[in-house]
C-alpha cells in the first residue's frame, strides 16, 4: 500500500518531544530546526534533521534512509539501511502521519528516552513539515 500524499520533498518546520506522562514538550533541536524529508514513489525515503548549534558544540543531527511502506492509512514504516544513529540500522522506524494539503505531521511511537536528569520517560516525537514547493513560494513572496 502507498499513499501518494506522502510523495515529495518536505521541509521541517518544528520538532518537539512530548512527555507522555506530563504532556510537557521540549525542542531537542532548538526553536528553529532545519530538515528535509524526501519520500520517493519507488519506496525509498531519506530524512535529515539538524538542530541549532549552541556555543562551540556541534549542531545535533539525525539522518536516516531506507525503504518504506504504508501498512495502513496514517502509518509509515521505514526499514532503515543507513543512519547516523547506528542502532537504528536494520530496524524498522514507525511513524504515524496526517497530511492536510501541503502540511505533513509525523509522530513517533512512544519510546523510553531520558529526560534532562537522565531518567527514561515515555516520550513521543512530533514533527511538522511543509511541502517544499509551498515553502519556496512563501519565501519568494516575502522577498
N, C-alpha and C. Protein backbone atom coordinates (compact mmCIF):
# COMPACT_ATOMS: atom_id res chain seq x y z
N UNK A 1 0.85 -1.17 0.00
CA UNK A 1 0.00 0.00 0.00
C UNK A 1 0.90 1.24 0.00
N UNK A 2 0.54 2.23 -0.75
CA UNK A 2 1.26 3.51 -0.76
C UNK A 2 0.25 4.63 -0.53
N UNK A 3 0.77 5.80 -0.25
CA UNK A 3 -0.07 6.98 -0.11
C UNK A 3 0.59 8.09 -0.90
N UNK A 4 0.01 8.42 -2.05
CA UNK A 4 0.61 9.44 -2.92
C UNK A 4 0.76 10.79 -2.23
N UNK A 5 -0.03 11.05 -1.19
CA UNK A 5 0.07 12.33 -0.48
C UNK A 5 1.43 12.49 0.20
N UNK A 6 2.10 11.37 0.50
CA UNK A 6 3.42 11.44 1.15
C UNK A 6 4.55 11.75 0.18
N UNK A 7 4.35 11.44 -1.09
CA UNK A 7 5.42 11.56 -2.09
C UNK A 7 5.82 13.02 -2.25
N UNK A 8 7.13 13.27 -2.20
CA UNK A 8 7.63 14.62 -2.42
C UNK A 8 8.77 14.96 -1.49
N UNK A 9 9.10 16.24 -1.50
CA UNK A 9 10.16 16.77 -0.65
C UNK A 9 9.52 17.70 0.37
N UNK A 10 9.84 17.47 1.63
CA UNK A 10 9.23 18.19 2.75
C UNK A 10 10.31 18.91 3.55
N UNK A 11 10.02 20.11 4.02
CA UNK A 11 10.94 20.90 4.82
C UNK A 11 10.42 20.98 6.26
N UNK A 12 11.32 20.78 7.20
CA UNK A 12 10.94 20.75 8.61
C UNK A 12 10.61 22.14 9.13
N UNK A 13 9.53 22.23 9.87
CA UNK A 13 9.14 23.49 10.50
C UNK A 13 9.24 23.41 12.02
N UNK A 14 9.01 22.24 12.60
CA UNK A 14 9.17 22.11 14.05
C UNK A 14 9.41 20.65 14.42
N UNK A 15 10.10 20.48 15.54
CA UNK A 15 10.36 19.14 16.09
C UNK A 15 10.26 19.26 17.60
N UNK A 16 9.31 18.57 18.17
CA UNK A 16 9.12 18.58 19.62
C UNK A 16 9.07 17.16 20.14
N UNK A 17 9.45 17.00 21.40
CA UNK A 17 9.33 15.73 22.09
C UNK A 17 8.39 15.95 23.26
N UNK A 18 7.36 15.12 23.32
CA UNK A 18 6.34 15.26 24.36
C UNK A 18 6.46 14.13 25.38
N UNK A 19 6.48 14.50 26.65
CA UNK A 19 6.46 13.53 27.74
C UNK A 19 5.04 12.99 27.85
N UNK A 20 4.87 11.69 27.65
CA UNK A 20 3.53 11.10 27.65
C UNK A 20 2.85 11.18 29.02
N UNK A 21 3.64 11.26 30.09
CA UNK A 21 3.05 11.31 31.43
C UNK A 21 2.60 12.71 31.81
N UNK A 22 3.38 13.72 31.46
CA UNK A 22 3.07 15.08 31.90
C UNK A 22 2.53 15.98 30.79
N UNK A 23 2.74 15.60 29.53
CA UNK A 23 2.34 16.45 28.41
C UNK A 23 3.34 17.56 28.12
N UNK A 24 4.39 17.67 28.94
CA UNK A 24 5.40 18.71 28.73
C UNK A 24 6.12 18.46 27.41
N UNK A 25 6.39 19.55 26.68
CA UNK A 25 7.07 19.45 25.40
C UNK A 25 8.41 20.17 25.44
N UNK A 26 9.40 19.57 24.80
CA UNK A 26 10.72 20.19 24.66
C UNK A 26 11.07 20.23 23.18
N UNK A 27 12.06 21.05 22.86
CA UNK A 27 12.54 21.18 21.49
C UNK A 27 14.01 20.77 21.45
N UNK A 28 14.29 19.47 21.30
CA UNK A 28 15.67 18.99 21.38
C UNK A 28 16.58 19.52 20.27
N UNK A 29 16.00 20.03 19.19
CA UNK A 29 16.79 20.59 18.09
C UNK A 29 16.69 22.12 18.06
N UNK A 30 16.16 22.71 19.13
CA UNK A 30 16.01 24.15 19.20
C UNK A 30 14.69 24.62 18.60
N UNK A 31 14.47 25.93 18.69
CA UNK A 31 13.21 26.52 18.23
C UNK A 31 13.10 26.59 16.72
N UNK A 32 14.22 26.52 16.02
CA UNK A 32 14.20 26.64 14.55
C UNK A 32 15.09 25.58 13.91
N UNK A 33 14.69 24.29 14.01
CA UNK A 33 15.50 23.24 13.40
C UNK A 33 15.40 23.30 11.87
N UNK A 34 16.38 22.70 11.23
CA UNK A 34 16.34 22.56 9.77
C UNK A 34 16.19 21.09 9.45
N UNK A 35 15.58 20.80 8.32
CA UNK A 35 15.47 19.41 7.95
C UNK A 35 14.80 19.24 6.61
N UNK A 36 15.05 18.09 6.03
CA UNK A 36 14.42 17.73 4.77
C UNK A 36 14.04 16.25 4.83
N UNK A 37 12.87 15.95 4.34
CA UNK A 37 12.36 14.59 4.23
C UNK A 37 12.02 14.38 2.76
N UNK A 38 12.62 13.38 2.17
CA UNK A 38 12.37 13.07 0.76
C UNK A 38 11.72 11.70 0.69
N UNK A 39 10.52 11.65 0.13
CA UNK A 39 9.77 10.41 0.00
C UNK A 39 9.54 10.16 -1.49
N UNK A 40 10.15 9.10 -2.00
CA UNK A 40 10.07 8.79 -3.43
C UNK A 40 8.97 7.76 -3.71
N UNK A 41 8.40 7.84 -4.89
CA UNK A 41 7.33 6.90 -5.28
C UNK A 41 7.83 5.47 -5.38
N UNK A 42 9.15 5.28 -5.57
CA UNK A 42 9.68 3.92 -5.70
C UNK A 42 9.88 3.22 -4.36
N UNK A 43 9.53 3.89 -3.24
CA UNK A 43 9.59 3.25 -1.94
C UNK A 43 10.81 3.59 -1.11
N UNK A 44 11.60 4.55 -1.52
CA UNK A 44 12.79 4.98 -0.75
C UNK A 44 12.48 6.31 -0.08
N UNK A 45 12.95 6.46 1.16
CA UNK A 45 12.84 7.74 1.85
C UNK A 45 14.18 8.08 2.46
N UNK A 46 14.36 9.37 2.73
CA UNK A 46 15.56 9.84 3.39
C UNK A 46 15.18 11.05 4.23
N UNK A 47 15.67 11.09 5.47
CA UNK A 47 15.36 12.21 6.37
C UNK A 47 16.64 12.75 6.97
N UNK A 48 16.69 14.05 7.11
CA UNK A 48 17.81 14.75 7.74
C UNK A 48 17.24 15.85 8.61
N UNK A 49 17.61 15.85 9.88
CA UNK A 49 17.19 16.88 10.82
C UNK A 49 18.44 17.43 11.49
N UNK A 50 18.61 18.75 11.44
CA UNK A 50 19.76 19.41 12.04
C UNK A 50 19.25 20.47 13.00
N UNK A 51 19.77 20.43 14.21
CA UNK A 51 19.37 21.40 15.21
C UNK A 51 20.26 22.62 15.21
N UNK A 52 19.97 23.50 16.14
CA UNK A 52 20.75 24.72 16.29
C UNK A 52 21.97 24.42 17.15
N UNK A 53 23.15 24.85 16.69
CA UNK A 53 24.38 24.69 17.47
C UNK A 53 24.33 25.64 18.66
N UNK A 54 24.88 25.19 19.78
CA UNK A 54 24.95 26.01 20.98
C UNK A 54 26.43 26.18 21.33
N UNK A 55 26.88 27.43 21.32
CA UNK A 55 28.29 27.69 21.63
C UNK A 55 29.20 27.01 20.62
N UNK A 56 30.22 26.32 21.12
CA UNK A 56 31.18 25.62 20.27
C UNK A 56 30.75 24.20 19.94
N UNK A 57 29.63 23.75 20.50
CA UNK A 57 29.18 22.38 20.28
C UNK A 57 28.65 22.22 18.86
N UNK A 58 28.81 21.03 18.34
CA UNK A 58 28.23 20.72 17.03
C UNK A 58 26.71 20.73 17.13
N UNK A 59 26.08 21.05 16.03
CA UNK A 59 24.62 21.00 15.99
C UNK A 59 24.16 19.56 16.07
N UNK A 60 23.11 19.29 16.85
CA UNK A 60 22.57 17.92 16.88
C UNK A 60 22.04 17.54 15.50
N UNK A 61 22.17 16.26 15.16
CA UNK A 61 21.80 15.81 13.82
C UNK A 61 21.24 14.40 13.87
N UNK A 62 20.20 14.16 13.11
CA UNK A 62 19.68 12.82 12.86
C UNK A 62 19.54 12.69 11.35
N UNK A 63 20.05 11.59 10.82
CA UNK A 63 19.89 11.30 9.40
C UNK A 63 19.64 9.80 9.26
N UNK A 64 18.68 9.45 8.43
CA UNK A 64 18.47 8.03 8.14
C UNK A 64 17.74 7.87 6.81
N UNK A 65 17.86 6.67 6.26
CA UNK A 65 17.23 6.37 4.99
C UNK A 65 16.91 4.89 4.93
N UNK A 66 15.98 4.55 4.06
CA UNK A 66 15.62 3.16 3.87
C UNK A 66 14.39 3.05 2.99
N UNK A 67 13.95 1.82 2.83
CA UNK A 67 12.72 1.58 2.06
C UNK A 67 11.54 1.65 3.02
N UNK A 68 10.48 2.28 2.58
CA UNK A 68 9.32 2.46 3.44
C UNK A 68 8.12 1.71 2.86
N UNK A 69 7.15 1.55 3.75
CA UNK A 69 5.85 1.02 3.35
C UNK A 69 4.78 1.72 4.17
N UNK A 70 3.58 1.70 3.65
CA UNK A 70 2.42 2.27 4.33
C UNK A 70 1.49 1.10 4.62
N UNK A 71 1.64 0.45 5.79
CA UNK A 71 0.85 -0.76 6.05
C UNK A 71 -0.64 -0.49 6.24
N UNK A 72 -0.97 0.72 6.64
CA UNK A 72 -2.38 1.12 6.79
C UNK A 72 -2.43 2.64 6.71
N UNK A 73 -3.59 3.18 6.41
CA UNK A 73 -3.69 4.65 6.33
C UNK A 73 -3.20 5.30 7.62
N UNK A 74 -2.33 6.29 7.48
CA UNK A 74 -1.81 7.00 8.63
C UNK A 74 -0.62 6.37 9.31
N UNK A 75 -0.08 5.29 8.72
CA UNK A 75 1.06 4.58 9.29
C UNK A 75 2.17 4.47 8.25
N UNK A 76 3.38 4.85 8.61
CA UNK A 76 4.53 4.92 7.71
C UNK A 76 5.68 4.19 8.40
N UNK A 77 6.22 3.14 7.80
CA UNK A 77 7.27 2.34 8.43
C UNK A 77 8.47 2.28 7.50
N UNK A 78 9.65 2.64 8.03
CA UNK A 78 10.88 2.62 7.25
C UNK A 78 11.78 1.50 7.74
N UNK A 79 12.24 0.64 6.82
CA UNK A 79 13.26 -0.36 7.10
C UNK A 79 14.60 0.34 6.91
N UNK A 80 15.23 0.74 8.00
CA UNK A 80 16.42 1.59 7.96
C UNK A 80 17.63 0.80 7.50
N UNK A 81 18.31 1.34 6.46
CA UNK A 81 19.54 0.69 5.99
C UNK A 81 20.78 1.56 6.17
N UNK A 82 20.60 2.84 6.49
CA UNK A 82 21.72 3.71 6.82
C UNK A 82 21.19 4.77 7.79
N UNK A 83 22.00 5.09 8.83
CA UNK A 83 21.53 6.05 9.83
C UNK A 83 22.70 6.63 10.62
N UNK A 84 22.51 7.86 11.06
CA UNK A 84 23.50 8.49 11.94
C UNK A 84 23.44 7.89 13.34
N UNK A 85 22.34 7.25 13.67
CA UNK A 85 22.18 6.55 14.95
C UNK A 85 22.37 5.06 14.65
N UNK A 86 23.57 4.57 14.90
CA UNK A 86 23.94 3.21 14.49
C UNK A 86 22.93 2.13 14.90
N UNK A 87 22.38 2.15 16.12
CA UNK A 87 21.42 1.10 16.48
C UNK A 87 20.15 1.07 15.63
N UNK A 88 19.86 2.15 14.89
CA UNK A 88 18.68 2.15 14.02
C UNK A 88 18.87 1.28 12.79
N UNK A 89 20.12 1.09 12.33
CA UNK A 89 20.36 0.31 11.11
C UNK A 89 19.85 -1.12 11.32
N UNK A 90 19.03 -1.57 10.39
CA UNK A 90 18.45 -2.91 10.48
C UNK A 90 17.14 -2.95 11.25
N UNK A 91 16.68 -1.81 11.75
CA UNK A 91 15.40 -1.77 12.47
C UNK A 91 14.33 -1.16 11.58
N UNK A 92 13.12 -1.22 12.07
CA UNK A 92 12.01 -0.54 11.42
C UNK A 92 11.59 0.63 12.30
N UNK A 93 11.55 1.80 11.70
CA UNK A 93 11.12 3.00 12.41
C UNK A 93 9.69 3.33 11.96
N UNK A 94 8.78 3.28 12.90
CA UNK A 94 7.36 3.52 12.60
C UNK A 94 6.99 4.95 12.96
N UNK A 95 6.19 5.55 12.11
CA UNK A 95 5.68 6.89 12.33
C UNK A 95 4.20 6.89 11.98
N UNK A 96 3.41 7.62 12.75
CA UNK A 96 2.04 7.87 12.32
C UNK A 96 2.06 9.23 11.63
N UNK A 97 1.12 9.45 10.73
CA UNK A 97 1.14 10.70 9.99
C UNK A 97 -0.25 11.15 9.58
N UNK A 98 -0.34 12.45 9.34
CA UNK A 98 -1.50 13.04 8.70
C UNK A 98 -0.99 14.05 7.68
N UNK A 99 -1.67 14.10 6.55
CA UNK A 99 -1.36 15.08 5.52
C UNK A 99 -2.61 15.92 5.33
N UNK A 100 -2.44 17.24 5.43
CA UNK A 100 -3.53 18.17 5.18
C UNK A 100 -2.99 19.22 4.21
N UNK A 101 -3.36 19.08 2.95
CA UNK A 101 -2.83 19.98 1.92
C UNK A 101 -1.33 19.79 1.81
N UNK A 102 -0.57 20.86 2.03
CA UNK A 102 0.88 20.81 1.94
C UNK A 102 1.55 20.76 3.30
N UNK A 103 0.84 20.25 4.29
CA UNK A 103 1.36 20.12 5.66
C UNK A 103 1.36 18.64 6.05
N UNK A 104 2.49 18.17 6.54
CA UNK A 104 2.64 16.79 6.99
C UNK A 104 3.01 16.80 8.46
N UNK A 105 2.27 16.06 9.25
CA UNK A 105 2.61 15.90 10.67
C UNK A 105 2.97 14.45 10.90
N UNK A 106 4.15 14.23 11.48
CA UNK A 106 4.63 12.90 11.81
C UNK A 106 4.77 12.77 13.32
N UNK A 107 4.48 11.59 13.84
CA UNK A 107 4.68 11.30 15.26
C UNK A 107 5.36 9.95 15.38
N UNK A 108 6.31 9.86 16.30
CA UNK A 108 6.97 8.59 16.56
C UNK A 108 6.10 7.76 17.50
N UNK A 109 6.37 6.49 17.54
CA UNK A 109 5.74 5.65 18.55
C UNK A 109 6.33 6.04 19.90
N UNK A 110 5.58 5.86 20.99
CA UNK A 110 6.17 6.16 22.30
C UNK A 110 7.44 5.34 22.52
N UNK A 111 8.46 6.02 23.03
CA UNK A 111 9.74 5.36 23.30
C UNK A 111 10.28 5.87 24.62
N UNK A 112 11.09 5.05 25.27
CA UNK A 112 11.71 5.47 26.52
C UNK A 112 12.96 6.27 26.19
N UNK A 113 12.89 7.58 26.47
CA UNK A 113 14.01 8.48 26.22
C UNK A 113 14.35 9.17 27.53
N UNK A 114 15.63 9.46 27.74
CA UNK A 114 16.00 10.10 29.00
C UNK A 114 15.52 11.55 29.07
N UNK A 115 15.09 11.96 30.27
CA UNK A 115 14.75 13.36 30.48
C UNK A 115 16.02 14.14 30.80
N UNK A 116 15.88 15.40 31.20
CA UNK A 116 17.06 16.23 31.47
C UNK A 116 17.91 15.70 32.63
N UNK A 117 17.33 14.86 33.48
CA UNK A 117 18.07 14.25 34.58
C UNK A 117 18.60 12.86 34.22
N UNK A 118 18.37 12.43 32.97
CA UNK A 118 18.84 11.12 32.53
C UNK A 118 17.90 9.98 32.88
N UNK A 119 16.72 10.29 33.38
CA UNK A 119 15.75 9.26 33.77
C UNK A 119 14.87 8.94 32.57
N UNK A 120 14.82 7.66 32.16
CA UNK A 120 14.00 7.32 30.99
C UNK A 120 12.51 7.55 31.25
N UNK A 121 11.88 8.23 30.34
CA UNK A 121 10.44 8.51 30.39
C UNK A 121 9.83 8.17 29.04
N UNK A 122 8.54 7.86 29.03
CA UNK A 122 7.84 7.60 27.77
C UNK A 122 7.67 8.92 27.03
N UNK A 123 8.24 9.01 25.83
CA UNK A 123 8.20 10.24 25.05
C UNK A 123 7.80 9.95 23.61
N UNK A 124 7.20 10.96 22.98
CA UNK A 124 6.78 10.88 21.59
C UNK A 124 7.36 12.07 20.84
N UNK A 125 8.00 11.82 19.70
CA UNK A 125 8.49 12.90 18.86
C UNK A 125 7.38 13.36 17.93
N UNK A 126 7.26 14.68 17.76
CA UNK A 126 6.25 15.26 16.88
C UNK A 126 6.94 16.24 15.94
N UNK A 127 6.74 16.05 14.66
CA UNK A 127 7.37 16.90 13.65
C UNK A 127 6.33 17.46 12.70
N UNK A 128 6.51 18.72 12.32
CA UNK A 128 5.66 19.36 11.32
C UNK A 128 6.55 19.69 10.13
N UNK A 129 6.10 19.28 8.95
CA UNK A 129 6.81 19.50 7.70
C UNK A 129 5.88 20.22 6.72
N UNK A 130 6.45 20.99 5.80
CA UNK A 130 5.67 21.59 4.72
C UNK A 130 6.28 21.16 3.39
N UNK A 131 5.40 20.98 2.42
CA UNK A 131 5.87 20.57 1.10
C UNK A 131 6.81 21.65 0.56
N UNK A 132 7.92 21.23 -0.04
CA UNK A 132 8.95 22.18 -0.47
C UNK A 132 8.41 23.24 -1.42
N UNK A 133 7.57 22.90 -2.36
CA UNK A 133 7.07 23.90 -3.31
C UNK A 133 6.33 25.01 -2.59
N UNK A 134 5.57 24.67 -1.54
CA UNK A 134 4.85 25.67 -0.76
C UNK A 134 5.82 26.56 -0.01
N UNK A 135 6.84 25.97 0.62
CA UNK A 135 7.81 26.74 1.40
C UNK A 135 8.61 27.66 0.50
N UNK A 136 9.01 27.19 -0.67
CA UNK A 136 9.78 28.02 -1.60
C UNK A 136 8.94 29.20 -2.06
N UNK A 137 7.68 28.95 -2.40
CA UNK A 137 6.81 30.04 -2.84
C UNK A 137 6.60 31.06 -1.72
N UNK A 138 6.47 30.60 -0.47
CA UNK A 138 6.28 31.51 0.64
C UNK A 138 7.52 32.36 0.86
N UNK A 139 8.71 31.76 0.75
CA UNK A 139 9.95 32.51 0.93
C UNK A 139 10.13 33.54 -0.19
N UNK A 140 9.76 33.18 -1.42
CA UNK A 140 9.90 34.12 -2.54
C UNK A 140 8.91 35.28 -2.40
N UNK A 141 7.73 34.98 -1.87
CA UNK A 141 6.73 36.03 -1.73
C UNK A 141 7.15 37.05 -0.66
N UNK A 142 7.97 36.62 0.31
CA UNK A 142 8.38 37.54 1.36
C UNK A 142 9.62 38.33 0.99
N UNK A 143 10.24 38.02 -0.15
CA UNK A 143 11.46 38.76 -0.59
C UNK A 143 11.12 40.13 -1.09
